[in-house]
Amino acid sequence: MKKSKTFLKAAVLSLAAAMMLTACGGKSEETSGSSAKKDALTEIKDRGKIVIGVKNDTRLFGLKNPKTGEVEGFDVDISKQLAKEILGDENKVEFKEVTSKTRVPLLQKGDIDAVVATMTITDERKKEVDFTDVYFQAGQSLLVKKGSKIKSIDDLKKGTKVLAVKGSTSAINIREKAPETTVLEFENYAEAFTALKSKQGDALTTDDAILYGMADEDPSYELVGKPFTEEPYGIAVKKGNKELVDALNDALKKIKDSGKYDEIHGKWIKQ
């Protein structure tokens, strides 16, 4: 009987010790896991490259060169300079294609670190992502075939058709400012411009900076009227990544102060 009590006491003590060890271990593991969680900027530096989403169909800002297979444009060159400032080498950047529709989902999934893709800063978007300071100021306008009867947004009446891109602020704005016109939305700018050239619509609307690229590609088209919105472009990152936003803002300031920004702007934006 005495032996049985001694055995039981030992078993209880052993179980208590095991529970204490487990509890301590769990706490230690939790603490370790928490401290091991890195912010986005640290992950980028440890990885040795920054993954940036850019458009592949937007002339002057992000357009894939069919001869080289490389994406070229203002957003691309700015991204390279950001990589140079943050990681010391402009080649330490990986580009992934995004569209107006896919850029936020890809960012939230963690497939990209940042979006540099003609993305307008809006209060609605600030609920989903964090933005840097403005890196380019654009304004929404209209692109039409030369000789068109449409000369400004005032000419967009019932019976007219305007082409826009899904997921863009342009589609929302045109419905508000020209409620009588019919708006047709396409997946990307290349499709929308092709639709305009095939006479599926009377005008194409988006930011003037993007439309300048289309007019540059085909001089038989022109921008008409004055810009009717302000479209400040910002670099978007996943919400809560303050360290990365600060680093990108610091990099942008250095790029502007050094004169490199003006050099890139002059290279791509002639107007």
C-alpha atoms as a PDB file:
ATOM      1  CA  MET A   1       0.000   0.000   0.000  1.00  0.00           C
ATOM      2  CA  LYS A   2       2.819   2.322   0.952  1.00  0.00           C
ATOM      3  CA  LYS A   3       4.587   1.482  -2.300  1.00  0.00           C
ATOM      4  CA  SER A   4       1.414   2.233  -4.232  1.00  0.00           C
ATOM      5  CA  LYS A   5       1.065   5.669  -2.553  1.00  0.00           C
ATOM      6  CA  THR A   6       4.709   6.457  -3.227  1.00  0.00           C
ATOM      7  CA  PHE A   7       4.266   5.499  -6.900  1.00  0.00           C
ATOM      8  CA  LEU A   8       1.108   7.622  -7.184  1.00  0.00           C
ATOM      9  CA  LYS A   9       2.830  10.615  -5.614  1.00  0.00           C
ATOM     10  CA  ALA A  10       5.748  10.260  -8.009  1.00  0.00           C
ATOM     11  CA  ALA A  11       3.374  10.035 -10.970  1.00  0.00           C
ATOM     12  CA  VAL A  12       1.502  13.181  -9.897  1.00  0.00           C
ATOM     13  CA  LEU A  13       4.763  15.091  -9.436  1.00  0.00           C
ATOM     14  CA  SER A  14       5.992  13.865 -12.785  1.00  0.00           C
ATOM     15  CA  LEU A  15       2.761  14.956 -14.514  1.00  0.00           C
ATOM     16  CA  ALA A  16       2.895  18.373 -12.868  1.00  0.00           C
ATOM     17  CA  ALA A  17       6.482  18.846 -13.969  1.00  0.00           C
ATOM     18  CA  ALA A  18       5.584  17.841 -17.519  1.00  0.00           C
ATOM     19  CA  MET A  19       2.688  20.318 -17.564  1.00  0.00           C
ATOM     20  CA  MET A  20       4.910  23.108 -16.297  1.00  0.00           C
ATOM     21  CA  LEU A  21       7.546  22.277 -18.903  1.00  0.00           C
ATOM     22  CA  THR A  22       4.938  22.253 -21.646  1.00  0.00           C
ATOM     23  CA  ALA A  23       3.532  25.572 -20.479  1.00  0.00           C
ATOM     24  CA  CYS A  24       6.981  27.141 -20.363  1.00  0.00           C
ATOM     25  CA  GLY A  25       7.879  25.650 -23.691  1.00  0.00           C
ATOM     26  CA  GLY A  26       4.653  26.957 -25.248  1.00  0.00           C
ATOM     27  CA  LYS A  27       5.287  30.441 -23.925  1.00  0.00           C
ATOM     28  CA  SER A  28       8.877  30.374 -25.061  1.00  0.00           C
ATOM     29  CA  GLU A  29       7.845  29.177 -28.520  1.00  0.00           C
ATOM     30  CA  GLU A  30       5.167  31.864 -28.753  1.00  0.00           C
ATOM     31  CA  THR A  31       7.642  34.544 -27.719  1.00  0.00           C
ATOM     32  CA  SER A  32      10.212  33.175 -30.140  1.00  0.00           C
ATOM     33  CA  GLY A  33       7.684  33.114 -32.969  1.00  0.00           C
ATOM     34  CA  SER A  34       6.652  36.683 -32.245  1.00  0.00           C
ATOM     35  CA  SER A  35      10.208  37.997 -32.181  1.00  0.00           C
ATOM     36  CA  ALA A  36      11.034  36.055 -35.319  1.00  0.00           C
ATOM     37  CA  LYS A  37       8.271  37.792 -37.289  1.00  0.00           C
ATOM     38  CA  LYS A  38       9.975  40.255 -39.597  1.00  0.00           C
ATOM     39  CA  ASP A  39       8.603  43.439 -41.044  1.00  0.00           C
ATOM     40  CA  ALA A  40       8.361  43.741 -44.839  1.00  0.00           C
ATOM     41  CA  LEU A  41      11.449  45.941 -45.176  1.00  0.00           C
ATOM     42  CA  THR A  42      13.619  43.473 -43.240  1.00  0.00           C
ATOM     43  CA  GLU A  43      12.325  40.584 -45.352  1.00  0.00           C
ATOM     44  CA  ILE A  44      13.199  42.480 -48.529  1.00  0.00           C
ATOM     45  CA  LYS A  45      16.730  43.206 -47.292  1.00  0.00           C
ATOM     46  CA  ASP A  46      17.241  39.598 -46.174  1.00  0.00           C
ATOM     47  CA  ARG A  47      15.946  38.365 -49.538  1.00  0.00           C
ATOM     48  CA  GLY A  48      18.214  40.758 -51.392  1.00  0.00           C
ATOM     49  CA  LYS A  49      15.558  41.980 -53.818  1.00  0.00           C
ATOM     50  CA  ILE A  50      12.267  43.855 -53.909  1.00  0.00           C
ATOM     51  CA  VAL A  51       9.334  42.479 -55.908  1.00  0.00           C
ATOM     52  CA  ILE A  52       7.353  45.248 -57.589  1.00  0.00           C
ATOM     53  CA  GLY A  53       4.117  45.029 -59.540  1.00  0.00           C
ATOM     54  CA  VAL A  54       4.091  47.065 -62.755  1.00  0.00           C
ATOM     55  CA  LYS A  55       1.792  47.202 -65.747  1.00  0.00           C
ATOM     56  CA  ASN A  56       2.889  45.587 -69.002  1.00  0.00           C
ATOM     57  CA  ASP A  57       0.403  47.307 -71.295  1.00  0.00           C
ATOM     58  CA  THR A  58       0.784  50.991 -70.468  1.00  0.00           C
ATOM     59  CA  ARG A  59       2.996  52.865 -72.910  1.00  0.00           C
ATOM     60  CA  LEU A  60       5.416  55.334 -71.289  1.00  0.00           C
ATOM     61  CA  PHE A  61       4.855  53.817 -67.816  1.00  0.00           C
ATOM     62  CA  GLY A  62       5.087  50.032 -68.124  1.00  0.00           C
ATOM     63  CA  LEU A  63       5.100  48.332 -71.515  1.00  0.00           C
ATOM     64  CA  LYS A  64       6.651  45.005 -72.489  1.00  0.00           C
ATOM     65  CA  ASN A  65       9.122  45.367 -75.332  1.00  0.00           C
ATOM     66  CA  PRO A  66       8.324  42.514 -77.760  1.00  0.00           C
ATOM     67  CA  LYS A  67      11.924  42.429 -79.001  1.00  0.00           C
ATOM     68  CA  THR A  68      13.659  42.159 -75.638  1.00  0.00           C
ATOM     69  CA  GLY A  69      10.849  40.796 -73.464  1.00  0.00           C
ATOM     70  CA  GLU A  70      11.687  43.501 -70.914  1.00  0.00           C
ATOM     71  CA  VAL A  71       9.152  45.898 -69.402  1.00  0.00           C
ATOM     72  CA  GLU A  72      10.031  49.533 -70.007  1.00  0.00           C
ATOM     73  CA  GLY A  73       8.682  52.892 -68.870  1.00  0.00           C
ATOM     74  CA  PHE A  74       8.569  55.603 -66.218  1.00  0.00           C
ATOM     75  CA  ASP A  75       7.276  53.310 -63.449  1.00  0.00           C
ATOM     76  CA  VAL A  76       9.929  50.729 -64.277  1.00  0.00           C
ATOM     77  CA  ASP A  77      12.808  53.218 -64.134  1.00  0.00           C
ATOM     78  CA  ILE A  78      11.505  54.716 -60.892  1.00  0.00           C
ATOM     79  CA  SER A  79      11.310  51.188 -59.417  1.00  0.00           C
ATOM     80  CA  LYS A  80      14.914  50.500 -60.368  1.00  0.00           C
ATOM     81  CA  GLN A  81      16.018  53.658 -58.594  1.00  0.00           C
ATOM     82  CA  LEU A  82      14.025  52.670 -55.517  1.00  0.00           C
ATOM     83  CA  ALA A  83      15.863  49.331 -55.467  1.00  0.00           C
ATOM     84  CA  LYS A  84      19.162  51.172 -55.811  1.00  0.00           C
ATOM     85  CA  GLU A  85      18.407  53.433 -52.843  1.00  0.00           C
ATOM     86  CA  ILE A  86      17.061  50.664 -50.594  1.00  0.00           C
ATOM     87  CA  LEU A  87      19.289  47.731 -51.615  1.00  0.00           C
ATOM     88  CA  GLY A  88      22.260  49.462 -53.252  1.00  0.00           C
ATOM     89  CA  ASP A  89      21.696  48.027 -56.726  1.00  0.00           C
ATOM     90  CA  GLU A  90      19.058  48.898 -59.312  1.00  0.00           C
ATOM     91  CA  ASN A  91      19.126  45.313 -60.558  1.00  0.00           C
ATOM     92  CA  LYS A  92      17.905  43.986 -57.200  1.00  0.00           C
ATOM     93  CA  VAL A  93      14.295  44.299 -58.314  1.00  0.00           C
ATOM     94  CA  GLU A  94      11.938  41.682 -59.721  1.00  0.00           C
ATOM     95  CA  PHE A  95       8.996  42.843 -61.802  1.00  0.00           C
ATOM     96  CA  LYS A  96       5.630  41.099 -61.850  1.00  0.00           C
ATOM     97  CA  GLU A  97       2.781  42.065 -64.153  1.00  0.00           C
ATOM     98  CA  VAL A  98      -0.297  43.655 -62.605  1.00  0.00           C
ATOM     99  CA  THR A  99      -3.437  45.279 -63.987  1.00  0.00           C
ATOM    100  CA  SER A 100      -5.774  47.817 -62.367  1.00  0.00           C
ATOM    101  CA  LYS A 101      -7.925  44.850 -61.349  1.00  0.00           C
ATOM    102  CA  THR A 102      -5.211  42.537 -59.967  1.00  0.00           C
ATOM    103  CA  ARG A 103      -2.719  44.856 -58.287  1.00  0.00           C
ATOM    104  CA  VAL A 104      -4.402  45.052 -54.852  1.00  0.00           C
ATOM    105  CA  PRO A 105      -5.199  41.303 -54.583  1.00  0.00           C
ATOM    106  CA  LEU A 106      -1.613  40.397 -55.532  1.00  0.00           C
ATOM    107  CA  LEU A 107      -0.299  42.838 -52.946  1.00  0.00           C
ATOM    108  CA  GLN A 108      -2.551  41.502 -50.204  1.00  0.00           C
ATOM    109  CA  LYS A 109      -1.597  37.897 -51.026  1.00  0.00           C
ATOM    110  CA  GLY A 110       2.072  38.774 -50.616  1.00  0.00           C
ATOM    111  CA  ASP A 111       3.012  37.982 -54.226  1.00  0.00           C
ATOM    112  CA  ILE A 112       4.530  41.464 -54.531  1.00  0.00           C
ATOM    113  CA  ASP A 113       6.075  43.910 -52.067  1.00  0.00           C
ATOM    114  CA  ALA A 114       4.857  47.100 -53.706  1.00  0.00           C
ATOM    115  CA  VAL A 115       2.791  48.415 -56.603  1.00  0.00           C
ATOM    116  CA  VAL A 116       4.263  51.064 -58.911  1.00  0.00           C
ATOM    117  CA  ALA A 117       1.564  51.041 -61.578  1.00  0.00           C
ATOM    118  CA  THR A 118      -0.172  54.362 -62.266  1.00  0.00           C
ATOM    119  CA  MET A 119      -2.223  53.853 -59.095  1.00  0.00           C
ATOM    120  CA  THR A 120      -4.234  56.855 -57.931  1.00  0.00           C
ATOM    121  CA  ILE A 121      -4.304  57.548 -54.197  1.00  0.00           C
ATOM    122  CA  THR A 122      -7.929  57.570 -53.007  1.00  0.00           C
ATOM    123  CA  ASP A 123      -9.601  57.431 -49.599  1.00  0.00           C
ATOM    124  CA  GLU A 124     -11.339  54.209 -50.612  1.00  0.00           C
ATOM    125  CA  ARG A 125      -8.065  52.521 -51.557  1.00  0.00           C
ATOM    126  CA  LYS A 126      -6.436  53.694 -48.334  1.00  0.00           C
ATOM    127  CA  LYS A 127      -8.794  51.314 -46.544  1.00  0.00           C
ATOM    128  CA  GLU A 128      -7.111  48.393 -48.351  1.00  0.00           C
ATOM    129  CA  VAL A 129      -3.476  49.470 -48.768  1.00  0.00           C
ATOM    130  CA  ASP A 130      -0.969  52.027 -47.525  1.00  0.00           C
ATOM    131  CA  PHE A 131       0.467  54.632 -49.899  1.00  0.00           C
ATOM    132  CA  THR A 132       3.709  56.551 -50.125  1.00  0.00           C
ATOM    133  CA  ASP A 133       3.839  60.229 -50.967  1.00  0.00           C
ATOM    134  CA  VAL A 134       2.717  61.220 -54.466  1.00  0.00           C
ATOM    135  CA  TYR A 135       5.330  60.289 -57.069  1.00  0.00           C
ATOM    136  CA  PHE A 136       3.438  61.471 -60.175  1.00  0.00           C
ATOM    137  CA  GLN A 137       0.573  63.899 -60.717  1.00  0.00           C
ATOM    138  CA  ALA A 138      -1.876  63.037 -63.493  1.00  0.00           C
ATOM    139  CA  GLY A 139      -5.442  64.012 -64.448  1.00  0.00           C
ATOM    140  CA  GLN A 140      -8.241  62.112 -66.183  1.00  0.00           C
ATOM    141  CA  SER A 141      -8.913  63.031 -69.810  1.00  0.00           C
ATOM    142  CA  LEU A 142     -10.392  61.715 -73.073  1.00  0.00           C
ATOM    143  CA  LEU A 143      -8.776  60.157 -76.134  1.00  0.00           C
ATOM    144  CA  VAL A 144     -10.610  60.278 -79.463  1.00  0.00           C
ATOM    145  CA  LYS A 145      -9.990  59.800 -83.168  1.00  0.00           C
ATOM    146  CA  LYS A 146      -8.833  63.060 -84.726  1.00  0.00           C
ATOM    147  CA  GLY A 147     -11.845  64.838 -86.229  1.00  0.00           C
ATOM    148  CA  SER A 148     -14.242  63.438 -83.621  1.00  0.00           C
ATOM    149  CA  LYS A 149     -17.252  65.519 -82.638  1.00  0.00           C
ATOM    150  CA  ILE A 150     -16.305  64.939 -79.014  1.00  0.00           C
ATOM    151  CA  LYS A 151     -14.193  67.892 -77.876  1.00  0.00           C
ATOM    152  CA  SER A 152     -14.603  67.651 -74.110  1.00  0.00           C
ATOM    153  CA  ILE A 153     -16.451  65.777 -71.367  1.00  0.00           C
ATOM    154  CA  ASP A 154     -19.460  68.033 -72.010  1.00  0.00           C
ATOM    155  CA  ASP A 155     -20.031  66.194 -75.303  1.00  0.00           C
ATOM    156  CA  LEU A 156     -20.560  62.841 -73.589  1.00  0.00           C
ATOM    157  CA  LYS A 157     -24.328  62.612 -73.823  1.00  0.00           C
ATOM    158  CA  LYS A 158     -26.877  59.848 -74.175  1.00  0.00           C
ATOM    159  CA  GLY A 159     -25.946  57.644 -77.119  1.00  0.00           C
ATOM    160  CA  THR A 160     -22.193  58.098 -76.735  1.00  0.00           C
ATOM    161  CA  LYS A 161     -19.965  55.250 -75.599  1.00  0.00           C
ATOM    162  CA  VAL A 162     -16.838  55.634 -73.501  1.00  0.00           C
ATOM    163  CA  LEU A 163     -14.265  52.888 -72.981  1.00  0.00           C
ATOM    164  CA  ALA A 164     -12.499  52.384 -69.642  1.00  0.00           C
ATOM    165  CA  VAL A 165     -10.531  49.743 -67.728  1.00  0.00           C
ATOM    166  CA  LYS A 166     -11.932  47.505 -64.988  1.00  0.00           C
ATOM    167  CA  GLY A 167     -10.816  48.374 -61.471  1.00  0.00           C
ATOM    168  CA  SER A 168      -9.739  51.904 -62.399  1.00  0.00           C
ATOM    169  CA  THR A 169     -10.879  55.146 -60.807  1.00  0.00           C
ATOM    170  CA  SER A 170     -11.496  56.392 -64.351  1.00  0.00           C
ATOM    171  CA  ALA A 171     -14.528  54.119 -64.800  1.00  0.00           C
ATOM    172  CA  ILE A 172     -16.038  55.412 -61.548  1.00  0.00           C
ATOM    173  CA  ASN A 173     -15.294  59.064 -62.347  1.00  0.00           C
ATOM    174  CA  ILE A 174     -16.754  59.009 -65.858  1.00  0.00           C
ATOM    175  CA  ARG A 175     -20.034  57.547 -64.604  1.00  0.00           C
ATOM    176  CA  GLU A 176     -20.277  60.379 -62.072  1.00  0.00           C
ATOM    177  CA  LYS A 177     -19.289  63.191 -64.417  1.00  0.00           C
ATOM    178  CA  ALA A 178     -21.091  61.977 -67.560  1.00  0.00           C
ATOM    179  CA  PRO A 179     -24.023  59.903 -66.237  1.00  0.00           C
ATOM    180  CA  GLU A 180     -25.837  59.806 -69.590  1.00  0.00           C
ATOM    181  CA  THR A 181     -23.001  58.142 -71.497  1.00  0.00           C
ATOM    182  CA  THR A 182     -22.599  54.367 -71.755  1.00  0.00           C
ATOM    183  CA  VAL A 183     -19.396  53.014 -70.190  1.00  0.00           C
ATOM    184  CA  LEU A 184     -17.810  49.815 -71.529  1.00  0.00           C
ATOM    185  CA  GLU A 185     -15.045  48.287 -69.392  1.00  0.00           C
ATOM    186  CA  PHE A 186     -12.106  46.168 -70.554  1.00  0.00           C
ATOM    187  CA  GLU A 187      -9.450  44.124 -68.773  1.00  0.00           C
ATOM    188  CA  ASN A 188      -6.523  46.397 -69.671  1.00  0.00           C
ATOM    189  CA  TYR A 189      -5.507  49.458 -71.684  1.00  0.00           C
ATOM    190  CA  ALA A 190      -4.346  47.488 -74.703  1.00  0.00           C
ATOM    191  CA  GLU A 191      -7.801  45.923 -75.064  1.00  0.00           C
ATOM    192  CA  ALA A 192      -9.535  49.265 -74.503  1.00  0.00           C
ATOM    193  CA  PHE A 193      -7.407  51.034 -77.139  1.00  0.00           C
ATOM    194  CA  THR A 194      -7.966  48.215 -79.617  1.00  0.00           C
ATOM    195  CA  ALA A 195     -11.700  48.572 -78.987  1.00  0.00           C
ATOM    196  CA  LEU A 196     -11.518  52.314 -79.643  1.00  0.00           C
ATOM    197  CA  LYS A 197      -9.661  51.738 -82.907  1.00  0.00           C
ATOM    198  CA  SER A 198     -12.293  49.184 -83.961  1.00  0.00           C
ATOM    199  CA  LYS A 199     -15.000  51.812 -83.263  1.00  0.00           C
ATOM    200  CA  GLN A 200     -16.610  50.019 -80.316  1.00  0.00           C
ATOM    201  CA  GLY A 201     -16.708  53.363 -78.563  1.00  0.00           C
ATOM    202  CA  ASP A 202     -16.495  57.093 -79.198  1.00  0.00           C
ATOM    203  CA  ALA A 203     -13.789  57.893 -76.655  1.00  0.00           C
ATOM    204  CA  LEU A 204     -11.409  56.225 -74.235  1.00  0.00           C
ATOM    205  CA  THR A 205     -10.921  57.657 -70.771  1.00  0.00           C
ATOM    206  CA  THR A 206      -8.129  57.283 -68.252  1.00  0.00           C
ATOM    207  CA  ASP A 207      -5.297  59.400 -66.881  1.00  0.00           C
ATOM    208  CA  ASP A 208      -3.805  61.830 -69.376  1.00  0.00           C
ATOM    209  CA  ALA A 209      -0.325  60.420 -68.819  1.00  0.00           C
ATOM    210  CA  ILE A 210      -1.499  57.011 -70.063  1.00  0.00           C
ATOM    211  CA  LEU A 211      -3.451  58.512 -72.962  1.00  0.00           C
ATOM    212  CA  TYR A 212      -0.352  60.404 -74.119  1.00  0.00           C
ATOM    213  CA  GLY A 213       1.279  57.008 -74.582  1.00  0.00           C
ATOM    214  CA  MET A 214      -1.579  55.823 -76.791  1.00  0.00           C
ATOM    215  CA  ALA A 215      -1.488  59.004 -78.882  1.00  0.00           C
ATOM    216  CA  ASP A 216       2.266  58.558 -79.197  1.00  0.00           C
ATOM    217  CA  GLU A 217       1.698  55.019 -80.458  1.00  0.00           C
ATOM    218  CA  ASP A 218      -0.937  56.100 -82.997  1.00  0.00           C
ATOM    219  CA  PRO A 219      -0.853  59.831 -83.941  1.00  0.00           C
ATOM    220  CA  SER A 220      -4.296  59.579 -85.566  1.00  0.00           C
ATOM    221  CA  TYR A 221      -5.698  59.827 -82.023  1.00  0.00           C
ATOM    222  CA  GLU A 222      -5.563  62.858 -79.735  1.00  0.00           C
ATOM    223  CA  LEU A 223      -6.476  64.062 -76.260  1.00  0.00           C
ATOM    224  CA  VAL A 224      -9.356  66.537 -76.114  1.00  0.00           C
ATOM    225  CA  GLY A 225     -10.579  68.952 -73.468  1.00  0.00           C
ATOM    226  CA  LYS A 226      -8.895  69.709 -70.161  1.00  0.00           C
ATOM    227  CA  PRO A 227      -8.262  67.097 -67.462  1.00  0.00           C
ATOM    228  CA  PHE A 228     -11.392  66.864 -65.315  1.00  0.00           C
ATOM    229  CA  THR A 229      -9.942  65.161 -62.232  1.00  0.00           C
ATOM    230  CA  GLU A 230      -6.711  65.103 -60.252  1.00  0.00           C
ATOM    231  CA  GLU A 231      -5.016  61.708 -60.179  1.00  0.00           C
ATOM    232  CA  PRO A 232      -2.073  61.650 -57.741  1.00  0.00           C
ATOM    233  CA  TYR A 233      -0.120  58.412 -58.194  1.00  0.00           C
ATOM    234  CA  GLY A 234       1.307  56.699 -55.135  1.00  0.00           C
ATOM    235  CA  ILE A 235       3.282  53.528 -54.467  1.00  0.00           C
ATOM    236  CA  ALA A 236       1.058  51.014 -52.679  1.00  0.00           C
ATOM    237  CA  VAL A 237       2.196  48.495 -50.078  1.00  0.00           C
ATOM    238  CA  LYS A 238       0.356  46.014 -47.890  1.00  0.00           C
ATOM    239  CA  LYS A 239      -1.439  47.742 -45.035  1.00  0.00           C
ATOM    240  CA  GLY A 240       0.542  48.126 -41.811  1.00  0.00           C
ATOM    241  CA  ASN A 241       4.018  48.090 -43.361  1.00  0.00           C
ATOM    242  CA  LYS A 242       5.096  51.513 -42.070  1.00  0.00           C
ATOM    243  CA  GLU A 243       8.809  50.704 -42.224  1.00  0.00           C
ATOM    244  CA  LEU A 244       8.553  49.969 -45.947  1.00  0.00           C
ATOM    245  CA  VAL A 245       6.475  53.091 -46.632  1.00  0.00           C
ATOM    246  CA  ASP A 246       9.062  55.221 -44.800  1.00  0.00           C
ATOM    247  CA  ALA A 247      11.940  53.617 -46.713  1.00  0.00           C
ATOM    248  CA  LEU A 248      10.198  54.187 -50.051  1.00  0.00           C
ATOM    249  CA  ASN A 249       9.439  57.818 -49.159  1.00  0.00           C
ATOM    250  CA  ASP A 250      13.082  58.373 -48.188  1.00  0.00           C
ATOM    251  CA  ALA A 251      14.176  56.786 -51.467  1.00  0.00           C
ATOM    252  CA  LEU A 252      11.749  58.939 -53.477  1.00  0.00           C
ATOM    253  CA  LYS A 253      13.077  62.093 -51.812  1.00  0.00           C
ATOM    254  CA  LYS A 254      16.673  61.148 -52.642  1.00  0.00           C
ATOM    255  CA  ILE A 255      15.722  60.385 -56.250  1.00  0.00           C
ATOM    256  CA  LYS A 256      14.057  63.812 -56.575  1.00  0.00           C
ATOM    257  CA  ASP A 257      16.804  65.716 -54.754  1.00  0.00           C
ATOM    258  CA  SER A 258      19.518  64.153 -56.922  1.00  0.00           C
ATOM    259  CA  GLY A 259      17.819  65.193 -60.166  1.00  0.00           C
ATOM    260  CA  LYS A 260      17.325  61.569 -61.211  1.00  0.00           C
ATOM    261  CA  TYR A 261      13.542  61.925 -61.047  1.00  0.00           C
ATOM    262  CA  ASP A 262      13.563  64.818 -63.528  1.00  0.00           C
ATOM    263  CA  GLU A 263      15.859  62.831 -65.795  1.00  0.00           C
ATOM    264  CA  ILE A 264      13.467  59.844 -65.842  1.00  0.00           C
ATOM    265  CA  HIS A 265      10.442  62.131 -66.263  1.00  0.00           C
ATOM    266  CA  GLY A 266      12.025  63.876 -69.240  1.00  0.00           C
ATOM    267  CA  LYS A 267      12.946  60.552 -70.817  1.00  0.00           C
ATOM    268  CA  TRP A 268       9.368  59.245 -70.876  1.00  0.00           C
ATOM    269  CA  ILE A 269       6.934  62.144 -70.465  1.00  0.00           C
ATOM    270  CA  LYS A 270       7.534  64.615 -73.294  1.00  0.00           C
ATOM    271  CA  GLN A 271       4.314  66.613 -72.986  1.00  0.00           C
END
